[in-house]
Amino acid sequence: MVTEVFTRKYCDPHAVRDEKVEATEVVQFAWDGTVREVDSCEECKKEYETQFEALVDYSRPVKKRRVTKKSDETSADETSAEA
């Protein structure tokens, strides 16, 4: 009777070359408008990151700081007064 089943994930880029290297990382990329994942080893992940730009998460909007002219003028006056 089998109580537990252990499955190993192998690095997909190495599997193409008929090599079995255990996967420890996941590489994300966009394909056909969806985000896909590929199992990879640390070496392949570093190679991928050097070749391509990482995907940006646009799910949360980036908040920009509002800078008013008054605050810029007062900070400039304060720095010149300290000198």
Protein backbone atom coordinates (compact mmCIF):
# COMPACT_ATOMS: atom_id res chain seq x y z
CA MET A 1 0.00 0.00 0.00
CA VAL A 2 1.36 3.41 -1.01
CA THR A 3 0.81 6.21 1.47
CA GLU A 4 2.93 9.02 -0.02
CA VAL A 5 4.11 9.78 -3.50
CA PHE A 6 7.19 11.95 -4.02
CA THR A 7 7.57 13.62 -7.38
CA ARG A 8 10.65 15.48 -8.43
CA LYS A 9 10.52 18.50 -10.65
CA TYR A 10 13.23 18.66 -13.25
CA CYS A 11 14.62 21.74 -14.95
CA ASP A 12 12.76 22.17 -18.26
CA PRO A 13 15.66 23.82 -20.19
CA HIS A 14 17.93 20.92 -19.21
CA ALA A 15 15.21 18.36 -20.03
CA VAL A 16 15.24 19.59 -23.64
CA ARG A 17 18.90 18.47 -23.78
CA ASP A 18 18.01 15.09 -22.17
CA GLU A 19 19.65 16.06 -18.86
CA LYS A 20 17.97 15.49 -15.50
CA VAL A 21 18.71 18.42 -13.19
CA GLU A 22 16.45 18.99 -10.21
CA ALA A 23 14.44 22.22 -10.39
CA THR A 24 14.53 24.57 -7.43
CA GLU A 25 13.28 27.79 -9.07
CA VAL A 26 10.39 28.92 -11.27
CA VAL A 27 10.80 31.18 -14.31
CA GLN A 28 7.82 33.32 -15.32
CA PHE A 29 7.28 34.62 -18.83
CA ALA A 30 4.44 35.97 -20.95
CA TRP A 31 3.06 33.91 -23.82
CA ASP A 32 -0.14 34.58 -25.78
CA GLY A 33 -1.24 37.24 -23.30
CA THR A 34 -0.94 35.02 -20.22
CA VAL A 35 1.79 34.49 -17.66
CA ARG A 36 3.33 31.02 -17.86
CA GLU A 37 5.76 29.27 -15.52
CA VAL A 38 8.63 26.89 -16.24
CA ASP A 39 10.53 24.85 -13.65
CA SER A 40 14.24 25.61 -13.69
CA CYS A 41 17.45 25.22 -11.72
CA GLU A 42 19.30 28.17 -10.16
CA GLU A 43 21.78 28.34 -13.04
CA CYS A 44 19.05 28.57 -15.71
CA LYS A 45 17.12 31.16 -13.68
CA LYS A 46 20.20 33.41 -13.42
CA GLU A 47 20.84 32.99 -17.14
CA TYR A 48 17.22 33.89 -17.91
CA GLU A 49 17.33 36.99 -15.68
CA THR A 50 20.47 38.28 -17.41
CA GLN A 51 18.93 37.84 -20.87
CA PHE A 52 15.45 39.20 -20.25
CA GLU A 53 13.79 41.87 -18.17
CA ALA A 54 11.66 40.58 -15.31
CA LEU A 55 7.88 40.80 -15.62
CA VAL A 56 6.39 43.80 -13.87
CA ASP A 57 3.37 43.32 -11.65
CA TYR A 58 0.79 45.88 -12.72
CA SER A 59 -1.88 44.62 -10.33
CA ARG A 60 -1.27 47.49 -7.89
CA PRO A 61 -1.06 51.07 -9.14
CA VAL A 62 2.10 52.98 -8.32
CA LYS A 63 1.50 55.99 -6.14
CA LYS A 64 3.45 59.08 -7.13
CA ARG A 65 4.41 61.72 -4.60
CA ARG A 66 3.00 65.11 -5.24
CA VAL A 67 5.61 67.83 -5.04
CA THR A 68 4.43 71.41 -4.72
CA LYS A 69 6.51 74.40 -5.65
CA LYS A 70 6.17 75.82 -2.13
CA SER A 71 7.79 72.79 -0.53
CA ASP A 72 10.67 72.91 -3.06
CA GLU A 73 11.29 76.60 -2.35
CA THR A 74 11.22 76.16 1.43
CA SER A 75 13.60 73.19 1.33
CA ALA A 76 15.97 75.17 -0.93
CA ASP A 77 15.87 78.13 1.51
CA GLU A 78 16.55 75.84 4.48
CA THR A 79 19.59 74.23 2.84
CA SER A 80 21.08 77.61 1.87
CA ALA A 81 20.48 78.97 5.39
CA GLU A 82 22.33 75.99 6.92
CA ALA A 83 25.38 76.57 4.72
